Full PDB file with SEQRES, HELIX, SHEET, SSBOND, CRYST1, ORIGX, SCALE, CONECT and MASTER records, all heavy atoms in Angstrom:
SEQRES   1 A   41  ALA ASP ASP VAL ALA PRO GLU ASP LEU PRO VAL ARG LEU          
SEQRES   2 A   41  LEU ARG ASP VAL LEU GLY ALA ALA GLU GLN ASP GLY ASP          
SEQRES   3 A   41  HIS PRO LEU MET ALA LEU LEU ARG SER SER GLY HIS GLU          
SEQRES   4 A   41  GLN ALA                                                      
HELIX    1 AA1 PRO A    6  ASP A    8  5                                   3    
HELIX    2 AA2 LEU A    9  GLU A   22  1                                  14    
HELIX    3 AA3 PRO A   28  ARG A   34  1                                   7    
CRYST1    1.000    1.000    1.000  90.00  90.00  90.00 P 1           1          
ORIGX1      1.000000  0.000000  0.000000        0.00000                         
ORIGX2      0.000000  1.000000  0.000000        0.00000                         
ORIGX3      0.000000  0.000000  1.000000        0.00000                         
SCALE1      1.000000  0.000000  0.000000        0.00000                         
SCALE2      0.000000  1.000000  0.000000        0.00000                         
SCALE3      0.000000  0.000000  1.000000        0.00000                         
ATOM      1  N   ALA A   1     -21.674  -1.683  -3.777  1.00  0.00           N  
ATOM      2  CA  ALA A   1     -22.147  -0.347  -4.137  1.00  0.00           C  
ATOM      3  C   ALA A   1     -21.370   0.670  -3.319  1.00  0.00           C  
ATOM      4  O   ALA A   1     -21.881   1.703  -2.932  1.00  0.00           O  
ATOM      5  CB  ALA A   1     -23.641  -0.227  -3.899  1.00  0.00           C  
ATOM      6  N   ASP A   2     -20.109   0.351  -3.064  1.00  0.00           N  
ATOM      7  CA  ASP A   2     -19.274   1.182  -2.213  1.00  0.00           C  
ATOM      8  C   ASP A   2     -18.961   2.539  -2.825  1.00  0.00           C  
ATOM      9  O   ASP A   2     -18.664   3.484  -2.110  1.00  0.00           O  
ATOM     10  CB  ASP A   2     -17.958   0.468  -1.900  1.00  0.00           C  
ATOM     11  CG  ASP A   2     -18.175  -0.835  -1.145  1.00  0.00           C  
ATOM     12  OD1 ASP A   2     -19.194  -0.956  -0.443  1.00  0.00           O  
ATOM     13  OD2 ASP A   2     -17.323  -1.727  -1.273  1.00  0.00           O  
ATOM     14  N   ASP A   3     -19.008   2.625  -4.146  1.00  0.00           N  
ATOM     15  CA  ASP A   3     -18.628   3.849  -4.828  1.00  0.00           C  
ATOM     16  C   ASP A   3     -19.793   4.825  -5.005  1.00  0.00           C  
ATOM     17  O   ASP A   3     -19.673   5.807  -5.722  1.00  0.00           O  
ATOM     18  CB  ASP A   3     -18.033   3.500  -6.195  1.00  0.00           C  
ATOM     19  CG  ASP A   3     -19.021   2.768  -7.101  1.00  0.00           C  
ATOM     20  OD1 ASP A   3     -19.954   2.130  -6.579  1.00  0.00           O  
ATOM     21  OD2 ASP A   3     -18.853   2.830  -8.332  1.00  0.00           O  
ATOM     22  N   VAL A   4     -20.903   4.588  -4.329  1.00  0.00           N  
ATOM     23  CA  VAL A   4     -22.116   5.386  -4.517  1.00  0.00           C  
ATOM     24  C   VAL A   4     -22.347   6.289  -3.306  1.00  0.00           C  
ATOM     25  O   VAL A   4     -22.218   5.841  -2.168  1.00  0.00           O  
ATOM     26  CB  VAL A   4     -23.336   4.454  -4.711  1.00  0.00           C  
ATOM     27  CG1 VAL A   4     -24.610   5.243  -4.868  1.00  0.00           C  
ATOM     28  CG2 VAL A   4     -23.114   3.548  -5.892  1.00  0.00           C  
ATOM     29  N   ALA A   5     -22.706   7.541  -3.579  1.00  0.00           N  
ATOM     30  CA  ALA A   5     -23.067   8.446  -2.488  1.00  0.00           C  
ATOM     31  C   ALA A   5     -24.309   7.891  -1.792  1.00  0.00           C  
ATOM     32  O   ALA A   5     -25.213   7.363  -2.471  1.00  0.00           O  
ATOM     33  CB  ALA A   5     -23.344   9.839  -3.037  1.00  0.00           C  
ATOM     34  N   PRO A   6     -24.382   7.977  -0.464  1.00  0.00           N  
ATOM     35  CA  PRO A   6     -25.517   7.391   0.265  1.00  0.00           C  
ATOM     36  C   PRO A   6     -26.880   7.811  -0.285  1.00  0.00           C  
ATOM     37  O   PRO A   6     -27.765   6.966  -0.433  1.00  0.00           O  
ATOM     38  CB  PRO A   6     -25.317   7.893   1.697  1.00  0.00           C  
ATOM     39  CG  PRO A   6     -23.851   8.119   1.805  1.00  0.00           C  
ATOM     40  CD  PRO A   6     -23.406   8.581   0.443  1.00  0.00           C  
ATOM     41  N   GLU A   7     -27.034   9.059  -0.633  1.00  0.00           N  
ATOM     42  CA  GLU A   7     -28.336   9.526  -1.123  1.00  0.00           C  
ATOM     43  C   GLU A   7     -28.700   8.953  -2.494  1.00  0.00           C  
ATOM     44  O   GLU A   7     -29.872   8.937  -2.883  1.00  0.00           O  
ATOM     45  CB  GLU A   7     -28.406  11.063  -1.140  1.00  0.00           C  
ATOM     46  CG  GLU A   7     -27.405  11.737  -2.037  1.00  0.00           C  
ATOM     47  CD  GLU A   7     -26.023  11.967  -1.394  1.00  0.00           C  
ATOM     48  OE1 GLU A   7     -25.769  11.497  -0.269  1.00  0.00           O  
ATOM     49  OE2 GLU A   7     -25.196  12.620  -2.053  1.00  0.00           O  
ATOM     50  N   ASP A   8     -27.706   8.458  -3.229  1.00  0.00           N  
ATOM     51  CA  ASP A   8     -27.950   7.864  -4.545  1.00  0.00           C  
ATOM     52  C   ASP A   8     -28.130   6.347  -4.488  1.00  0.00           C  
ATOM     53  O   ASP A   8     -28.455   5.718  -5.487  1.00  0.00           O  
ATOM     54  CB  ASP A   8     -26.790   8.184  -5.495  1.00  0.00           C  
ATOM     55  CG  ASP A   8     -26.648   9.673  -5.762  1.00  0.00           C  
ATOM     56  OD1 ASP A   8     -27.669  10.394  -5.697  1.00  0.00           O  
ATOM     57  OD2 ASP A   8     -25.514  10.120  -6.029  1.00  0.00           O  
ATOM     58  N   LEU A   9     -27.899   5.758  -3.310  1.00  0.00           N  
ATOM     59  CA  LEU A   9     -27.918   4.302  -3.181  1.00  0.00           C  
ATOM     60  C   LEU A   9     -29.256   3.664  -3.548  1.00  0.00           C  
ATOM     61  O   LEU A   9     -29.266   2.673  -4.292  1.00  0.00           O  
ATOM     62  CB  LEU A   9     -27.488   3.882  -1.776  1.00  0.00           C  
ATOM     63  CG  LEU A   9     -27.341   2.385  -1.541  1.00  0.00           C  
ATOM     64  CD1 LEU A   9     -26.309   1.767  -2.486  1.00  0.00           C  
ATOM     65  CD2 LEU A   9     -26.955   2.112  -0.097  1.00  0.00           C  
ATOM     66  N   PRO A  10     -30.409   4.180  -3.085  1.00  0.00           N  
ATOM     67  CA  PRO A  10     -31.665   3.503  -3.460  1.00  0.00           C  
ATOM     68  C   PRO A  10     -31.859   3.385  -4.975  1.00  0.00           C  
ATOM     69  O   PRO A  10     -32.192   2.307  -5.481  1.00  0.00           O  
ATOM     70  CB  PRO A  10     -32.748   4.379  -2.827  1.00  0.00           C  
ATOM     71  CG  PRO A  10     -32.072   5.042  -1.671  1.00  0.00           C  
ATOM     72  CD  PRO A  10     -30.647   5.282  -2.151  1.00  0.00           C  
ATOM     73  N   VAL A  11     -31.608   4.462  -5.711  1.00  0.00           N  
ATOM     74  CA  VAL A  11     -31.797   4.423  -7.167  1.00  0.00           C  
ATOM     75  C   VAL A  11     -30.731   3.556  -7.822  1.00  0.00           C  
ATOM     76  O   VAL A  11     -31.022   2.825  -8.770  1.00  0.00           O  
ATOM     77  CB  VAL A  11     -31.820   5.848  -7.763  1.00  0.00           C  
ATOM     78  CG1 VAL A  11     -31.790   5.825  -9.274  1.00  0.00           C  
ATOM     79  CG2 VAL A  11     -33.062   6.599  -7.280  1.00  0.00           C  
ATOM     80  N   ARG A  12     -29.513   3.567  -7.316  1.00  0.00           N  
ATOM     81  CA  ARG A  12     -28.448   2.714  -7.864  1.00  0.00           C  
ATOM     82  C   ARG A  12     -28.826   1.238  -7.726  1.00  0.00           C  
ATOM     83  O   ARG A  12     -28.680   0.445  -8.653  1.00  0.00           O  
ATOM     84  CB  ARG A  12     -27.137   3.007  -7.157  1.00  0.00           C  
ATOM     85  CG  ARG A  12     -26.054   1.963  -7.327  1.00  0.00           C  
ATOM     86  CD  ARG A  12     -25.518   1.878  -8.771  1.00  0.00           C  
ATOM     87  NE  ARG A  12     -24.537   0.843  -8.897  1.00  0.00           N  
ATOM     88  CZ  ARG A  12     -23.248   0.957  -8.632  1.00  0.00           C  
ATOM     89  NH1 ARG A  12     -22.765   2.106  -8.242  1.00  0.00           N  
ATOM     90  NH2 ARG A  12     -22.442  -0.061  -8.761  1.00  0.00           N  
ATOM     91  N   LEU A  13     -29.328   0.866  -6.548  1.00  0.00           N  
ATOM     92  CA  LEU A  13     -29.738  -0.526  -6.339  1.00  0.00           C  
ATOM     93  C   LEU A  13     -30.908  -0.888  -7.248  1.00  0.00           C  
ATOM     94  O   LEU A  13     -30.941  -1.987  -7.803  1.00  0.00           O  
ATOM     95  CB  LEU A  13     -30.089  -0.755  -4.870  1.00  0.00           C  
ATOM     96  CG  LEU A  13     -28.904  -0.703  -3.902  1.00  0.00           C  
ATOM     97  CD1 LEU A  13     -29.390  -0.713  -2.460  1.00  0.00           C  
ATOM     98  CD2 LEU A  13     -27.943  -1.844  -4.149  1.00  0.00           C  
ATOM     99  N   LEU A  14     -31.844   0.031  -7.412  1.00  0.00           N  
ATOM    100  CA  LEU A  14     -32.963  -0.227  -8.328  1.00  0.00           C  
ATOM    101  C   LEU A  14     -32.439  -0.461  -9.742  1.00  0.00           C  
ATOM    102  O   LEU A  14     -32.863  -1.410 -10.413  1.00  0.00           O  
ATOM    103  CB  LEU A  14     -33.960   0.933  -8.319  1.00  0.00           C  
ATOM    104  CG  LEU A  14     -35.076   0.791  -9.357  1.00  0.00           C  
ATOM    105  CD1 LEU A  14     -36.045  -0.307  -8.941  1.00  0.00           C  
ATOM    106  CD2 LEU A  14     -35.797   2.101  -9.570  1.00  0.00           C  
ATOM    107  N   ARG A  15     -31.536   0.377 -10.188  1.00  0.00           N  
ATOM    108  CA  ARG A  15     -30.984   0.213 -11.548  1.00  0.00           C  
ATOM    109  C   ARG A  15     -30.279  -1.135 -11.695  1.00  0.00           C  
ATOM    110  O   ARG A  15     -30.384  -1.778 -12.731  1.00  0.00           O  
ATOM    111  CB  ARG A  15     -30.027   1.359 -11.866  1.00  0.00           C  
ATOM    112  CG  ARG A  15     -30.747   2.666 -12.095  1.00  0.00           C  
ATOM    113  CD  ARG A  15     -29.797   3.795 -12.339  1.00  0.00           C  
ATOM    114  NE  ARG A  15     -30.511   5.043 -12.508  1.00  0.00           N  
ATOM    115  CZ  ARG A  15     -29.964   6.238 -12.356  1.00  0.00           C  
ATOM    116  NH1 ARG A  15     -28.670   6.339 -12.062  1.00  0.00           N  
ATOM    117  NH2 ARG A  15     -30.688   7.322 -12.515  1.00  0.00           N  
ATOM    118  N   ASP A  16     -29.559  -1.547 -10.646  1.00  0.00           N  
ATOM    119  CA  ASP A  16     -28.911  -2.862 -10.679  1.00  0.00           C  
ATOM    120  C   ASP A  16     -29.947  -3.974 -10.820  1.00  0.00           C  
ATOM    121  O   ASP A  16     -29.779  -4.903 -11.610  1.00  0.00           O  
ATOM    122  CB  ASP A  16     -28.095  -3.106  -9.401  1.00  0.00           C  
ATOM    123  CG  ASP A  16     -26.818  -2.287  -9.341  1.00  0.00           C  
ATOM    124  OD1 ASP A  16     -26.441  -1.660 -10.354  1.00  0.00           O  
ATOM    125  OD2 ASP A  16     -26.198  -2.281  -8.266  1.00  0.00           O  
ATOM    126  N   VAL A  17     -31.022  -3.871 -10.052  1.00  0.00           N  
ATOM    127  CA  VAL A  17     -32.091  -4.875 -10.085  1.00  0.00           C  
ATOM    128  C   VAL A  17     -32.759  -4.894 -11.458  1.00  0.00           C  
ATOM    129  O   VAL A  17     -32.982  -5.960 -12.034  1.00  0.00           O  
ATOM    130  CB  VAL A  17     -33.121  -4.594  -8.969  1.00  0.00           C  
ATOM    131  CG1 VAL A  17     -34.430  -5.322  -9.206  1.00  0.00           C  
ATOM    132  CG2 VAL A  17     -32.539  -4.970  -7.616  1.00  0.00           C  
ATOM    133  N   LEU A  18     -33.067  -3.729 -11.999  1.00  0.00           N  
ATOM    134  CA  LEU A  18     -33.722  -3.658 -13.310  1.00  0.00           C  
ATOM    135  C   LEU A  18     -32.792  -4.165 -14.400  1.00  0.00           C  
ATOM    136  O   LEU A  18     -33.228  -4.878 -15.303  1.00  0.00           O  
ATOM    137  CB  LEU A  18     -34.176  -2.227 -13.612  1.00  0.00           C  
ATOM    138  CG  LEU A  18     -35.260  -1.662 -12.709  1.00  0.00           C  
ATOM    139  CD1 LEU A  18     -35.538  -0.206 -13.064  1.00  0.00           C  
ATOM    140  CD2 LEU A  18     -36.525  -2.489 -12.763  1.00  0.00           C  
ATOM    141  N   GLY A  19     -31.528  -3.831 -14.323  1.00  0.00           N  
ATOM    142  CA  GLY A  19     -30.567  -4.309 -15.311  1.00  0.00           C  
ATOM    143  C   GLY A  19     -30.413  -5.818 -15.271  1.00  0.00           C  
ATOM    144  O   GLY A  19     -30.327  -6.471 -16.304  1.00  0.00           O  
ATOM    145  N   ALA A  20     -30.413  -6.386 -14.072  1.00  0.00           N  
ATOM    146  CA  ALA A  20     -30.295  -7.837 -13.930  1.00  0.00           C  
ATOM    147  C   ALA A  20     -31.522  -8.534 -14.492  1.00  0.00           C  
ATOM    148  O   ALA A  20     -31.406  -9.584 -15.126  1.00  0.00           O  
ATOM    149  CB  ALA A  20     -30.101  -8.220 -12.467  1.00  0.00           C  
ATOM    150  N   ALA A  21     -32.696  -7.957 -14.286  1.00  0.00           N  
ATOM    151  CA  ALA A  21     -33.917  -8.565 -14.817  1.00  0.00           C  
ATOM    152  C   ALA A  21     -33.879  -8.602 -16.339  1.00  0.00           C  
ATOM    153  O   ALA A  21     -34.363  -9.546 -16.955  1.00  0.00           O  
ATOM    154  CB  ALA A  21     -35.145  -7.798 -14.330  1.00  0.00           C  
ATOM    155  N   GLU A  22     -33.271  -7.595 -16.927  1.00  0.00           N  
ATOM    156  CA  GLU A  22     -33.138  -7.567 -18.391  1.00  0.00           C  
ATOM    157  C   GLU A  22     -32.175  -8.649 -18.870  1.00  0.00           C  
ATOM    158  O   GLU A  22     -32.233  -9.070 -20.005  1.00  0.00           O  
ATOM    159  CB  GLU A  22     -32.648  -6.192 -18.852  1.00  0.00           C  
ATOM    160  CG  GLU A  22     -33.594  -5.043 -18.524  1.00  0.00           C  
ATOM    161  CD  GLU A  22     -34.969  -5.208 -19.130  1.00  0.00           C  
ATOM    162  OE1 GLU A  22     -35.054  -5.594 -20.315  1.00  0.00           O  
ATOM    163  OE2 GLU A  22     -35.952  -4.955 -18.427  1.00  0.00           O  
ATOM    164  N   GLN A  23     -31.285  -9.102 -17.980  1.00  0.00           N  
ATOM    165  CA  GLN A  23     -30.298 -10.123 -18.320  1.00  0.00           C  
ATOM    166  C   GLN A  23     -30.685 -11.457 -17.689  1.00  0.00           C  
ATOM    167  O   GLN A  23     -29.860 -12.158 -17.118  1.00  0.00           O  
ATOM    168  CB  GLN A  23     -28.918  -9.700 -17.832  1.00  0.00           C  
ATOM    169  CG  GLN A  23     -28.440  -8.425 -18.431  1.00  0.00           C  
ATOM    170  CD  GLN A  23     -27.237  -7.864 -17.689  1.00  0.00           C  
ATOM    171  OE1 GLN A  23     -26.648  -8.517 -16.848  1.00  0.00           O  
ATOM    172  NE2 GLN A  23     -26.883  -6.645 -18.007  1.00  0.00           N  
ATOM    173  N   ASP A  24     -31.949 -11.786 -17.710  1.00  0.00           N  
ATOM    174  CA  ASP A  24     -32.462 -13.057 -17.199  1.00  0.00           C  
ATOM    175  C   ASP A  24     -32.296 -13.218 -15.696  1.00  0.00           C  
ATOM    176  O   ASP A  24     -32.161 -14.333 -15.200  1.00  0.00           O  
ATOM    177  CB  ASP A  24     -31.830 -14.251 -17.918  1.00  0.00           C  
ATOM    178  CG  ASP A  24     -32.154 -14.263 -19.397  1.00  0.00           C  
ATOM    179  OD1 ASP A  24     -33.288 -13.869 -19.749  1.00  0.00           O  
ATOM    180  OD2 ASP A  24     -31.285 -14.632 -20.194  1.00  0.00           O  
ATOM    181  N   GLY A  25     -32.308 -12.112 -14.960  1.00  0.00           N  
ATOM    182  CA  GLY A  25     -32.336 -12.181 -13.499  1.00  0.00           C  
ATOM    183  C   GLY A  25     -31.103 -12.750 -12.853  1.00  0.00           C  
ATOM    184  O   GLY A  25     -31.181 -13.311 -11.776  1.00  0.00           O  
ATOM    185  N   ASP A  26     -29.912 -12.576 -13.476  1.00  0.00           N  
ATOM    186  CA  ASP A  26     -28.737 -13.190 -12.881  1.00  0.00           C  
ATOM    187  C   ASP A  26     -27.998 -12.277 -11.901  1.00  0.00           C  
ATOM    188  O   ASP A  26     -26.826 -12.447 -11.650  1.00  0.00           O  
ATOM    189  CB  ASP A  26     -27.788 -13.750 -13.944  1.00  0.00           C  
ATOM    190  CG  ASP A  26     -27.141 -12.682 -14.808  1.00  0.00           C  
ATOM    191  OD1 ASP A  26     -27.536 -11.513 -14.725  1.00  0.00           O  
ATOM    192  OD2 ASP A  26     -26.227 -13.038 -15.571  1.00  0.00           O  
ATOM    193  N   HIS A  27     -28.682 -11.338 -11.303  1.00  0.00           N  
ATOM    194  CA  HIS A  27     -28.079 -10.494 -10.276  1.00  0.00           C  
ATOM    195  C   HIS A  27     -27.689 -11.370  -9.085  1.00  0.00           C  
ATOM    196  O   HIS A  27     -28.418 -12.296  -8.730  1.00  0.00           O  
ATOM    197  CB  HIS A  27     -29.074  -9.413  -9.845  1.00  0.00           C  
ATOM    198  CG  HIS A  27     -28.471  -8.367  -8.981  1.00  0.00           C  
ATOM    199  ND1 HIS A  27     -28.335  -8.512  -7.624  1.00  0.00           N  
ATOM    200  CD2 HIS A  27     -27.948  -7.163  -9.281  1.00  0.00           C  
ATOM    201  CE1 HIS A  27     -27.766  -7.444  -7.126  1.00  0.00           C  
ATOM    202  NE2 HIS A  27     -27.514  -6.604  -8.105  1.00  0.00           N  
ATOM    203  N   PRO A  28     -26.563 -11.102  -8.463  1.00  0.00           N  
ATOM    204  CA  PRO A  28     -26.135 -11.925  -7.318  1.00  0.00           C  
ATOM    205  C   PRO A  28     -27.179 -12.004  -6.203  1.00  0.00           C  
ATOM    206  O   PRO A  28     -27.231 -12.986  -5.474  1.00  0.00           O  
ATOM    207  CB  PRO A  28     -24.864 -11.222  -6.831  1.00  0.00           C  
ATOM    208  CG  PRO A  28     -24.344 -10.513  -8.034  1.00  0.00           C  
ATOM    209  CD  PRO A  28     -25.559 -10.103  -8.816  1.00  0.00           C  
ATOM    210  N   LEU A  29     -28.011 -10.997  -6.091  1.00  0.00           N  
ATOM    211  CA  LEU A  29     -29.071 -11.025  -5.086  1.00  0.00           C  
ATOM    212  C   LEU A  29     -30.001 -12.211  -5.311  1.00  0.00           C  
ATOM    213  O   LEU A  29     -30.429 -12.866  -4.367  1.00  0.00           O  
ATOM    214  CB  LEU A  29     -29.861  -9.710  -5.122  1.00  0.00           C  
ATOM    215  CG  LEU A  29     -31.029  -9.593  -4.168  1.00  0.00           C  
ATOM    216  CD1 LEU A  29     -30.560  -9.698  -2.723  1.00  0.00           C  
ATOM    217  CD2 LEU A  29     -31.738  -8.271  -4.391  1.00  0.00           C  
ATOM    218  N   MET A  30     -30.299 -12.517  -6.566  1.00  0.00           N  
ATOM    219  CA  MET A  30     -31.177 -13.657  -6.849  1.00  0.00           C  
ATOM    220  C   MET A  30     -30.508 -14.962  -6.429  1.00  0.00           C  
ATOM    221  O   MET A  30     -31.168 -15.871  -5.944  1.00  0.00           O  
ATOM    222  CB  MET A  30     -31.557 -13.706  -8.329  1.00  0.00           C  
ATOM    223  CG  MET A  30     -32.464 -12.559  -8.766  1.00  0.00           C  
ATOM    224  SD  MET A  30     -33.906 -12.299  -7.701  1.00  0.00           S  
ATOM    225  CE  MET A  30     -34.724 -13.865  -7.841  1.00  0.00           C  
ATOM    226  N   ALA A  31     -29.203 -15.050  -6.594  1.00  0.00           N  
ATOM    227  CA  ALA A  31     -28.488 -16.248  -6.145  1.00  0.00           C  
ATOM    228  C   ALA A  31     -28.625 -16.396  -4.635  1.00  0.00           C  
ATOM    229  O   ALA A  31     -28.858 -17.502  -4.131  1.00  0.00           O  
ATOM    230  CB  ALA A  31     -27.022 -16.172  -6.544  1.00  0.00           C  
ATOM    231  N   LEU A  32     -28.488 -15.293  -3.917  1.00  0.00           N  
ATOM    232  CA  LEU A  32     -28.617 -15.352  -2.462  1.00  0.00           C  
ATOM    233  C   LEU A  32     -30.043 -15.690  -2.054  1.00  0.00           C  
ATOM    234  O   LEU A  32     -30.257 -16.486  -1.140  1.00  0.00           O  
ATOM    235  CB  LEU A  32     -28.180 -14.021  -1.839  1.00  0.00           C  
ATOM    236  CG  LEU A  32     -26.684 -13.749  -1.878  1.00  0.00           C  
ATOM    237  CD1 LEU A  32     -26.384 -12.323  -1.443  1.00  0.00           C  
ATOM    238  CD2 LEU A  32     -25.928 -14.740  -1.020  1.00  0.00           C  
ATOM    239  N   LEU A  33     -31.020 -15.102  -2.715  1.00  0.00           N  
ATOM    240  CA  LEU A  33     -32.414 -15.396  -2.382  1.00  0.00           C  
ATOM    241  C   LEU A  33     -32.751 -16.862  -2.655  1.00  0.00           C  
ATOM    242  O   LEU A  33     -33.377 -17.523  -1.829  1.00  0.00           O  
ATOM    243  CB  LEU A  33     -33.366 -14.492  -3.165  1.00  0.00           C  
ATOM    244  CG  LEU A  33     -33.418 -13.045  -2.720  1.00  0.00           C  
ATOM    245  CD1 LEU A  33     -34.228 -12.211  -3.714  1.00  0.00           C  
ATOM    246  CD2 LEU A  33     -34.010 -12.934  -1.327  1.00  0.00           C  
ATOM    247  N   ARG A  34     -32.333 -17.365  -3.801  1.00  0.00           N  
ATOM    248  CA  ARG A  34     -32.638 -18.753  -4.145  1.00  0.00           C  
ATOM    249  C   ARG A  34     -31.841 -19.741  -3.309  1.00  0.00           C  
ATOM    250  O   ARG A  34     -32.154 -20.923  -3.281  1.00  0.00           O  
ATOM    251  CB  ARG A  34     -32.394 -18.989  -5.628  1.00  0.00           C  
ATOM    252  CG  ARG A  34     -33.470 -18.349  -6.482  1.00  0.00           C  
ATOM    253  CD  ARG A  34     -33.474 -18.913  -7.879  1.00  0.00           C  
ATOM    254  NE  ARG A  34     -34.652 -18.478  -8.589  1.00  0.00           N  
ATOM    255  CZ  ARG A  34     -34.646 -17.595  -9.586  1.00  0.00           C  
ATOM    256  NH1 ARG A  34     -33.529 -17.065  -9.992  1.00  0.00           N  
ATOM    257  NH2 ARG A  34     -35.776 -17.262 -10.175  1.00  0.00           N  
ATOM    258  N   SER A  35     -30.821 -19.246  -2.642  1.00  0.00           N  
ATOM    259  CA  SER A  35     -29.982 -20.110  -1.811  1.00  0.00           C  
ATOM    260  C   SER A  35     -30.242 -19.912  -0.326  1.00  0.00           C  
ATOM    261  O   SER A  35     -29.520 -20.456   0.506  1.00  0.00           O  
ATOM    262  CB  SER A  35     -28.500 -19.823  -2.102  1.00  0.00           C  
ATOM    263  OG  SER A  35     -28.225 -20.002  -3.467  1.00  0.00           O  
ATOM    264  N   SER A  36     -31.262 -19.162   0.027  1.00  0.00           N  
ATOM    265  CA  SER A  36     -31.471 -18.788   1.428  1.00  0.00           C  
ATOM    266  C   SER A  36     -31.780 -19.979   2.332  1.00  0.00           C  
ATOM    267  O   SER A  36     -31.696 -19.860   3.549  1.00  0.00           O  
ATOM    268  CB  SER A  36     -32.559 -17.722   1.547  1.00  0.00           C  
ATOM    269  OG  SER A  36     -33.778 -18.200   1.047  1.00  0.00           O  
ATOM    270  N   GLY A  37     -32.092 -21.126   1.784  1.00  0.00           N  
ATOM    271  CA  GLY A  37     -32.250 -22.336   2.588  1.00  0.00           C  
ATOM    272  C   GLY A  37     -30.911 -22.873   3.057  1.00  0.00           C  
ATOM    273  O   GLY A  37     -30.838 -23.668   3.987  1.00  0.00           O  
ATOM    274  N   HIS A  38     -29.853 -22.439   2.435  1.00  0.00           N  
ATOM    275  CA  HIS A  38     -28.483 -22.807   2.795  1.00  0.00           C  
ATOM    276  C   HIS A  38     -28.019 -21.783   3.836  1.00  0.00           C  
ATOM    277  O   HIS A  38     -28.005 -20.584   3.566  1.00  0.00           O  
ATOM    278  CB  HIS A  38     -27.621 -22.764   1.524  1.00  0.00           C  
ATOM    279  CG  HIS A  38     -26.291 -23.369   1.659  1.00  0.00           C  
ATOM    280  ND1 HIS A  38     -25.189 -22.636   2.018  1.00  0.00           N  
ATOM    281  CD2 HIS A  38     -25.858 -24.640   1.487  1.00  0.00           C  
ATOM    282  CE1 HIS A  38     -24.145 -23.433   2.055  1.00  0.00           C  
ATOM    283  NE2 HIS A  38     -24.517 -24.652   1.729  1.00  0.00           N  
ATOM    284  N   GLU A  39     -27.673 -22.230   5.020  1.00  0.00           N  
ATOM    285  CA  GLU A  39     -27.401 -21.327   6.151  1.00  0.00           C  
ATOM    286  C   GLU A  39     -26.349 -20.269   5.848  1.00  0.00           C  
ATOM    287  O   GLU A  39     -26.530 -19.102   6.167  1.00  0.00           O  
ATOM    288  CB  GLU A  39     -27.001 -22.135   7.394  1.00  0.00           C  
ATOM    289  CG  GLU A  39     -26.809 -21.292   8.629  1.00  0.00           C  
ATOM    290  CD  GLU A  39     -28.070 -20.590   9.140  1.00  0.00           C  
ATOM    291  OE1 GLU A  39     -29.185 -20.882   8.663  1.00  0.00           O  
ATOM    292  OE2 GLU A  39     -27.938 -19.734  10.029  1.00  0.00           O  
ATOM    293  N   GLN A  40     -25.265 -20.630   5.205  1.00  0.00           N  
ATOM    294  CA  GLN A  40     -24.223 -19.646   4.913  1.00  0.00           C  
ATOM    295  C   GLN A  40     -24.723 -18.583   3.942  1.00  0.00           C  
ATOM    296  O   GLN A  40     -24.390 -17.414   4.073  1.00  0.00           O  
ATOM    297  CB  GLN A  40     -22.973 -20.329   4.371  1.00  0.00           C  
ATOM    298  CG  GLN A  40     -22.226 -21.091   5.452  1.00  0.00           C  
ATOM    299  CD  GLN A  40     -21.017 -21.798   4.901  1.00  0.00           C  
ATOM    300  OE1 GLN A  40     -21.109 -22.547   3.937  1.00  0.00           O  
ATOM    301  NE2 GLN A  40     -19.866 -21.552   5.516  1.00  0.00           N  
ATOM    302  N   ALA A  41     -25.538 -18.972   2.979  1.00  0.00           N  
ATOM    303  CA  ALA A  41     -26.093 -17.998   2.037  1.00  0.00           C  
ATOM    304  C   ALA A  41     -27.078 -17.074   2.744  1.00  0.00           C  
ATOM    305  O   ALA A  41     -27.095 -15.870   2.490  1.00  0.00           O  
ATOM    306  CB  ALA A  41     -26.775 -18.718   0.878  1.00  0.00           C  
TER     307      ALA A  41                                                      
MASTER        0    0    0    3    0    0    0    6  306    1    0    4          
END                                                                             
C-alpha cells in the first residue's frame, strides 16, 4: 500500500479486505493468518 497517502491508508486497507472477501477471501493477509503457525509466516 506504498502508493497511498497515510491518511487514506485505513480505508484503503478496508477496501482491500472487503474486495478479497468478495473473491473468496484470497487476500494475502489470509494466507499469512492461516500460516501463522509457521515461524517465517
